[in-house]
N, C-alpha and C. Protein backbone atom coordinates (compact mmCIF):
# COMPACT_ATOMS: atom_id res chain seq x y z
N MET A 1 0.85 -1.17 0.00
CA MET A 1 0.00 0.00 0.00
C MET A 1 0.89 1.23 0.00
N THR A 2 0.31 2.33 -0.37
CA THR A 2 1.05 3.57 -0.29
C THR A 2 0.36 4.49 0.72
N THR A 3 1.17 5.27 1.38
CA THR A 3 0.59 6.25 2.29
C THR A 3 -0.04 7.36 1.47
N ARG A 4 -0.98 8.05 2.09
CA ARG A 4 -1.66 9.17 1.43
C ARG A 4 -1.31 10.45 2.16
N TRP A 5 -1.44 11.56 1.50
CA TRP A 5 -1.19 12.86 2.11
C TRP A 5 -1.99 13.00 3.40
N ALA A 6 -3.24 12.59 3.38
CA ALA A 6 -4.12 12.74 4.54
C ALA A 6 -3.75 11.81 5.70
N ASP A 7 -2.85 10.84 5.48
CA ASP A 7 -2.46 9.91 6.54
C ASP A 7 -1.57 10.56 7.59
N ASN A 8 -0.81 11.58 7.19
CA ASN A 8 0.09 12.25 8.14
C ASN A 8 -0.71 13.05 9.16
N ASP A 9 -0.25 13.03 10.39
CA ASP A 9 -0.89 13.84 11.43
C ASP A 9 -0.05 15.09 11.70
N ALA A 10 -0.40 15.82 12.70
CA ALA A 10 0.28 17.08 13.03
C ALA A 10 1.75 16.87 13.38
N TYR A 11 2.13 15.65 13.76
CA TYR A 11 3.52 15.36 14.12
C TYR A 11 4.35 14.92 12.93
N GLY A 12 3.73 14.87 11.73
CA GLY A 12 4.47 14.56 10.51
C GLY A 12 4.65 13.09 10.22
N HIS A 13 3.92 12.22 10.91
CA HIS A 13 4.00 10.79 10.60
C HIS A 13 2.58 10.23 10.47
N VAL A 14 2.49 9.01 9.96
CA VAL A 14 1.19 8.37 9.76
C VAL A 14 0.50 8.23 11.11
N ASN A 15 -0.73 8.68 11.18
CA ASN A 15 -1.51 8.63 12.40
C ASN A 15 -1.85 7.19 12.76
N ASN A 16 -1.95 6.92 14.05
CA ASN A 16 -2.19 5.56 14.52
C ASN A 16 -3.48 4.95 13.96
N THR A 17 -4.49 5.75 13.71
CA THR A 17 -5.75 5.19 13.21
C THR A 17 -5.60 4.58 11.82
N VAL A 18 -4.65 5.06 11.04
CA VAL A 18 -4.44 4.55 9.69
C VAL A 18 -3.97 3.10 9.72
N TYR A 19 -3.17 2.74 10.72
CA TYR A 19 -2.69 1.36 10.83
C TYR A 19 -3.87 0.40 10.96
N TYR A 20 -4.87 0.79 11.71
CA TYR A 20 -6.06 -0.05 11.87
C TYR A 20 -6.82 -0.18 10.56
N GLU A 21 -6.85 0.86 9.74
CA GLU A 21 -7.46 0.77 8.41
C GLU A 21 -6.68 -0.22 7.55
N TRP A 22 -5.35 -0.17 7.63
CA TRP A 22 -4.52 -1.11 6.88
C TRP A 22 -4.78 -2.54 7.33
N PHE A 23 -4.88 -2.76 8.65
CA PHE A 23 -5.18 -4.10 9.16
C PHE A 23 -6.47 -4.61 8.54
N ASP A 24 -7.52 -3.82 8.66
CA ASP A 24 -8.84 -4.21 8.16
C ASP A 24 -8.79 -4.50 6.67
N SER A 25 -8.16 -3.63 5.91
CA SER A 25 -8.07 -3.81 4.45
C SER A 25 -7.26 -5.05 4.09
N ALA A 26 -6.14 -5.26 4.75
CA ALA A 26 -5.28 -6.41 4.43
C ALA A 26 -5.99 -7.73 4.72
N VAL A 27 -6.61 -7.85 5.88
CA VAL A 27 -7.27 -9.09 6.25
C VAL A 27 -8.45 -9.37 5.33
N ASN A 28 -9.30 -8.38 5.15
CA ASN A 28 -10.50 -8.60 4.34
C ASN A 28 -10.17 -8.80 2.86
N ALA A 29 -9.18 -8.09 2.35
CA ALA A 29 -8.77 -8.30 0.95
C ALA A 29 -8.25 -9.72 0.77
N TRP A 30 -7.46 -10.21 1.72
CA TRP A 30 -6.94 -11.58 1.63
C TRP A 30 -8.10 -12.57 1.64
N MET A 31 -9.07 -12.37 2.55
CA MET A 31 -10.21 -13.29 2.63
C MET A 31 -11.02 -13.28 1.34
N VAL A 32 -11.23 -12.12 0.75
CA VAL A 32 -11.97 -12.04 -0.51
C VAL A 32 -11.18 -12.73 -1.62
N GLU A 33 -9.86 -12.46 -1.70
CA GLU A 33 -9.02 -13.09 -2.73
C GLU A 33 -9.03 -14.61 -2.62
N GLN A 34 -9.12 -15.12 -1.41
CA GLN A 34 -9.12 -16.57 -1.18
C GLN A 34 -10.49 -17.21 -1.38
N GLY A 35 -11.50 -16.39 -1.64
CA GLY A 35 -12.85 -16.90 -1.83
C GLY A 35 -13.54 -17.27 -0.53
N LEU A 36 -13.05 -16.75 0.59
CA LEU A 36 -13.63 -17.07 1.89
C LEU A 36 -14.75 -16.12 2.28
N LEU A 37 -14.73 -14.94 1.74
CA LEU A 37 -15.66 -13.92 2.20
C LEU A 37 -16.30 -13.22 1.02
N ASP A 38 -17.62 -13.21 1.01
CA ASP A 38 -18.40 -12.43 0.06
C ASP A 38 -19.04 -11.33 0.89
N ILE A 39 -18.46 -10.15 0.86
CA ILE A 39 -18.88 -9.07 1.74
C ILE A 39 -20.33 -8.66 1.50
N ALA A 40 -20.76 -8.64 0.25
CA ALA A 40 -22.11 -8.15 -0.08
C ALA A 40 -23.21 -9.17 0.22
N LYS A 41 -22.95 -10.46 -0.05
CA LYS A 41 -24.03 -11.45 0.04
C LYS A 41 -23.68 -12.68 0.84
N GLY A 42 -22.44 -12.85 1.24
CA GLY A 42 -22.01 -14.08 1.88
C GLY A 42 -22.63 -14.33 3.24
N ASP A 43 -22.65 -15.59 3.59
CA ASP A 43 -23.10 -16.02 4.91
C ASP A 43 -22.37 -17.31 5.21
N PRO A 44 -21.50 -17.32 6.20
CA PRO A 44 -21.36 -16.33 7.25
C PRO A 44 -20.46 -15.16 6.83
N ILE A 45 -20.38 -14.20 7.75
CA ILE A 45 -19.47 -13.07 7.60
C ILE A 45 -18.53 -13.04 8.80
N ALA A 46 -17.53 -12.20 8.74
CA ALA A 46 -16.56 -12.10 9.84
C ALA A 46 -16.55 -10.67 10.37
N LEU A 47 -16.76 -10.52 11.67
CA LEU A 47 -16.78 -9.20 12.31
C LEU A 47 -15.55 -9.03 13.20
N VAL A 48 -15.03 -7.83 13.23
CA VAL A 48 -13.88 -7.52 14.08
C VAL A 48 -14.35 -7.34 15.52
N VAL A 49 -13.68 -8.05 16.45
CA VAL A 49 -14.03 -7.92 17.87
C VAL A 49 -12.88 -7.41 18.71
N GLU A 50 -11.67 -7.40 18.15
CA GLU A 50 -10.51 -6.94 18.93
C GLU A 50 -9.39 -6.55 17.98
N THR A 51 -8.69 -5.48 18.32
CA THR A 51 -7.48 -5.08 17.60
C THR A 51 -6.49 -4.52 18.59
N ARG A 52 -5.24 -4.58 18.23
CA ARG A 52 -4.20 -3.92 19.01
C ARG A 52 -3.02 -3.67 18.07
N CYS A 53 -2.21 -2.67 18.44
CA CYS A 53 -1.06 -2.32 17.60
C CYS A 53 0.06 -1.78 18.48
N THR A 54 1.27 -2.21 18.19
CA THR A 54 2.47 -1.69 18.84
C THR A 54 3.33 -1.03 17.77
N TYR A 55 3.74 0.19 18.03
CA TYR A 55 4.47 0.98 17.04
C TYR A 55 5.96 0.99 17.38
N ALA A 56 6.80 0.79 16.35
CA ALA A 56 8.24 0.73 16.57
C ALA A 56 8.99 1.82 15.81
N ALA A 57 8.45 2.26 14.69
CA ALA A 57 9.14 3.26 13.87
C ALA A 57 8.10 4.05 13.09
N PRO A 58 8.34 5.33 12.86
CA PRO A 58 7.35 6.13 12.14
C PRO A 58 7.35 5.84 10.64
N LEU A 59 6.19 6.00 10.05
CA LEU A 59 6.03 6.00 8.60
C LEU A 59 5.46 7.35 8.23
N GLU A 60 5.60 7.75 6.98
CA GLU A 60 5.11 9.07 6.58
C GLU A 60 4.75 9.09 5.11
N PHE A 61 4.14 10.17 4.69
CA PHE A 61 3.84 10.39 3.28
C PHE A 61 5.00 11.13 2.64
N PRO A 62 5.41 10.78 1.44
CA PRO A 62 5.02 9.64 0.64
C PRO A 62 5.90 8.43 0.96
N GLN A 63 5.29 7.28 1.06
CA GLN A 63 6.03 6.07 1.37
C GLN A 63 5.18 4.86 0.99
N THR A 64 5.85 3.81 0.53
CA THR A 64 5.17 2.55 0.25
C THR A 64 5.37 1.64 1.46
N VAL A 65 4.29 0.97 1.85
CA VAL A 65 4.37 0.04 2.98
C VAL A 65 3.99 -1.36 2.51
N GLU A 66 4.59 -2.34 3.16
CA GLU A 66 4.28 -3.75 2.90
C GLU A 66 3.62 -4.31 4.15
N ILE A 67 2.65 -5.19 3.95
CA ILE A 67 1.89 -5.73 5.07
C ILE A 67 2.03 -7.25 5.07
N GLY A 68 2.48 -7.78 6.21
CA GLY A 68 2.58 -9.22 6.38
C GLY A 68 1.41 -9.71 7.20
N LEU A 69 0.85 -10.86 6.83
CA LEU A 69 -0.34 -11.39 7.49
C LEU A 69 -0.14 -12.87 7.80
N ALA A 70 -0.49 -13.27 9.02
CA ALA A 70 -0.45 -14.67 9.42
C ALA A 70 -1.58 -14.93 10.40
N VAL A 71 -2.03 -16.18 10.44
CA VAL A 71 -3.00 -16.59 11.44
C VAL A 71 -2.24 -17.05 12.67
N ALA A 72 -2.52 -16.43 13.80
CA ALA A 72 -1.86 -16.78 15.06
C ALA A 72 -2.64 -17.84 15.82
N GLU A 73 -3.96 -17.79 15.70
CA GLU A 73 -4.80 -18.73 16.45
C GLU A 73 -6.12 -18.91 15.70
N LEU A 74 -6.51 -20.17 15.60
CA LEU A 74 -7.75 -20.52 14.91
C LEU A 74 -8.64 -21.25 15.91
N GLY A 75 -9.75 -20.62 16.25
CA GLY A 75 -10.67 -21.21 17.22
C GLY A 75 -11.86 -21.84 16.53
N ARG A 76 -12.92 -22.07 17.30
CA ARG A 76 -14.15 -22.64 16.74
C ARG A 76 -14.85 -21.62 15.84
N SER A 77 -14.93 -20.38 16.32
CA SER A 77 -15.59 -19.33 15.55
C SER A 77 -14.73 -18.07 15.42
N SER A 78 -13.52 -18.11 15.97
CA SER A 78 -12.68 -16.91 15.93
C SER A 78 -11.35 -17.17 15.22
N ILE A 79 -10.82 -16.09 14.65
CA ILE A 79 -9.54 -16.12 13.96
C ILE A 79 -8.71 -14.94 14.47
N ARG A 80 -7.55 -15.23 15.03
CA ARG A 80 -6.63 -14.18 15.48
C ARG A 80 -5.50 -14.09 14.47
N TYR A 81 -5.38 -12.91 13.86
CA TYR A 81 -4.34 -12.65 12.87
C TYR A 81 -3.19 -11.88 13.51
N ARG A 82 -1.98 -12.14 13.05
CA ARG A 82 -0.82 -11.31 13.37
C ARG A 82 -0.52 -10.51 12.11
N ILE A 83 -0.24 -9.23 12.31
CA ILE A 83 -0.01 -8.35 11.17
C ILE A 83 1.25 -7.53 11.42
N GLY A 84 2.07 -7.42 10.39
CA GLY A 84 3.25 -6.56 10.45
C GLY A 84 3.16 -5.51 9.36
N ILE A 85 3.47 -4.29 9.72
CA ILE A 85 3.52 -3.18 8.76
C ILE A 85 4.99 -2.80 8.60
N PHE A 86 5.47 -2.82 7.37
CA PHE A 86 6.88 -2.58 7.09
C PHE A 86 7.04 -1.44 6.09
N ALA A 87 8.05 -0.60 6.29
CA ALA A 87 8.45 0.32 5.23
C ALA A 87 8.98 -0.55 4.10
N GLU A 88 8.70 -0.19 2.88
CA GLU A 88 9.12 -1.00 1.73
C GLU A 88 10.60 -1.37 1.83
N GLY A 89 10.88 -2.67 1.72
CA GLY A 89 12.25 -3.15 1.75
C GLY A 89 12.87 -3.30 3.12
N SER A 90 12.15 -2.94 4.18
CA SER A 90 12.70 -3.02 5.53
C SER A 90 12.49 -4.40 6.13
N ASP A 91 13.48 -4.89 6.86
CA ASP A 91 13.35 -6.17 7.56
C ASP A 91 12.63 -6.03 8.89
N GLY A 92 12.67 -4.85 9.47
CA GLY A 92 12.04 -4.62 10.76
C GLY A 92 10.68 -3.98 10.61
N ALA A 93 9.73 -4.45 11.39
CA ALA A 93 8.37 -3.91 11.32
C ALA A 93 8.31 -2.52 11.93
N ALA A 94 7.62 -1.63 11.26
CA ALA A 94 7.34 -0.30 11.82
C ALA A 94 6.22 -0.41 12.85
N ALA A 95 5.37 -1.43 12.68
CA ALA A 95 4.28 -1.68 13.63
C ALA A 95 3.90 -3.15 13.54
N GLU A 96 3.47 -3.69 14.68
CA GLU A 96 2.98 -5.06 14.74
C GLU A 96 1.66 -5.05 15.48
N GLY A 97 0.75 -5.90 15.02
CA GLY A 97 -0.54 -5.90 15.68
C GLY A 97 -1.26 -7.22 15.58
N GLU A 98 -2.42 -7.24 16.20
CA GLU A 98 -3.33 -8.37 16.14
C GLU A 98 -4.71 -7.86 15.75
N PHE A 99 -5.46 -8.73 15.13
CA PHE A 99 -6.77 -8.40 14.60
C PHE A 99 -7.59 -9.67 14.75
N VAL A 100 -8.72 -9.60 15.43
CA VAL A 100 -9.52 -10.80 15.69
C VAL A 100 -10.88 -10.68 15.01
N HIS A 101 -11.17 -11.71 14.21
CA HIS A 101 -12.48 -11.86 13.59
C HIS A 101 -13.27 -12.91 14.35
N VAL A 102 -14.56 -12.70 14.48
CA VAL A 102 -15.49 -13.75 14.89
C VAL A 102 -16.41 -13.98 13.71
N VAL A 103 -16.54 -15.24 13.35
CA VAL A 103 -17.40 -15.62 12.23
C VAL A 103 -18.83 -15.71 12.76
N VAL A 104 -19.74 -14.99 12.09
CA VAL A 104 -21.12 -14.91 12.56
C VAL A 104 -22.11 -15.15 11.42
N ASP A 105 -23.30 -15.55 11.79
CA ASP A 105 -24.42 -15.63 10.87
C ASP A 105 -24.78 -14.21 10.44
N ARG A 106 -24.95 -14.01 9.14
CA ARG A 106 -25.22 -12.66 8.63
C ARG A 106 -26.46 -12.04 9.27
N ALA A 107 -27.54 -12.79 9.40
CA ALA A 107 -28.80 -12.24 9.90
C ALA A 107 -28.81 -12.05 11.41
N SER A 108 -28.41 -13.07 12.15
CA SER A 108 -28.52 -13.01 13.62
C SER A 108 -27.33 -12.33 14.28
N ARG A 109 -26.19 -12.30 13.57
CA ARG A 109 -24.92 -11.77 14.12
C ARG A 109 -24.43 -12.61 15.31
N ARG A 110 -24.88 -13.85 15.40
CA ARG A 110 -24.44 -14.77 16.45
C ARG A 110 -23.28 -15.60 15.91
N PRO A 111 -22.30 -15.92 16.76
CA PRO A 111 -21.15 -16.73 16.31
C PRO A 111 -21.58 -18.09 15.76
N VAL A 112 -20.89 -18.49 14.70
CA VAL A 112 -21.06 -19.81 14.10
C VAL A 112 -19.68 -20.42 13.90
N GLU A 113 -19.64 -21.71 13.69
CA GLU A 113 -18.37 -22.39 13.47
C GLU A 113 -17.74 -21.91 12.15
N ILE A 114 -16.43 -21.77 12.15
CA ILE A 114 -15.71 -21.41 10.93
C ILE A 114 -16.00 -22.49 9.89
N PRO A 115 -16.43 -22.12 8.70
CA PRO A 115 -16.73 -23.13 7.68
C PRO A 115 -15.52 -24.03 7.41
N SER A 116 -15.78 -25.30 7.21
CA SER A 116 -14.69 -26.27 7.02
C SER A 116 -13.83 -25.94 5.81
N HIS A 117 -14.42 -25.35 4.77
CA HIS A 117 -13.62 -25.02 3.57
C HIS A 117 -12.74 -23.78 3.79
N TRP A 118 -12.97 -23.02 4.84
CA TRP A 118 -12.10 -21.88 5.18
C TRP A 118 -10.81 -22.36 5.83
N ARG A 119 -10.92 -23.41 6.65
CA ARG A 119 -9.80 -23.81 7.51
C ARG A 119 -8.49 -24.09 6.77
N PRO A 120 -8.48 -24.84 5.67
CA PRO A 120 -7.19 -25.11 5.00
C PRO A 120 -6.48 -23.83 4.55
N LYS A 121 -7.22 -22.85 4.09
CA LYS A 121 -6.60 -21.60 3.64
C LYS A 121 -6.08 -20.78 4.82
N LEU A 122 -6.83 -20.79 5.91
CA LEU A 122 -6.38 -20.10 7.11
C LEU A 122 -5.17 -20.80 7.72
N GLU A 123 -5.19 -22.13 7.72
CA GLU A 123 -4.06 -22.90 8.26
C GLU A 123 -2.81 -22.72 7.41
N ALA A 124 -2.98 -22.47 6.11
CA ALA A 124 -1.83 -22.30 5.20
C ALA A 124 -1.00 -21.07 5.56
N ILE A 125 -1.60 -20.08 6.23
CA ILE A 125 -0.82 -18.89 6.62
C ILE A 125 -0.59 -18.84 8.13
N SER A 126 -0.70 -20.01 8.77
CA SER A 126 -0.46 -20.09 10.22
C SER A 126 1.04 -20.16 10.50
């Protein structure tokens, strides 16, 4: 991804809220690409229930960032992802975080078991 002019805050670096947007975009884009999630019509869907982020180095505009994604824990209805945000070409993460989805029925919003056809793809990035 690339940073945007509007991503910088008054201190001249990417604001912390932008990292959470990147987390959400990276996880959901991966799920859509893998055929796991149909955002408009799919059932079940995955809702975010927890996020956290630890910052190690500033990023700023203009800059390209790379996002690493892995599954840290796979439960009955929950998926905990580990995410790293890197300046392009950097070995060290500028930020590291976690992002937790709970798989729910679209209509009731109640947790359901992760579909069996999702598991191999999620396990592949564990």
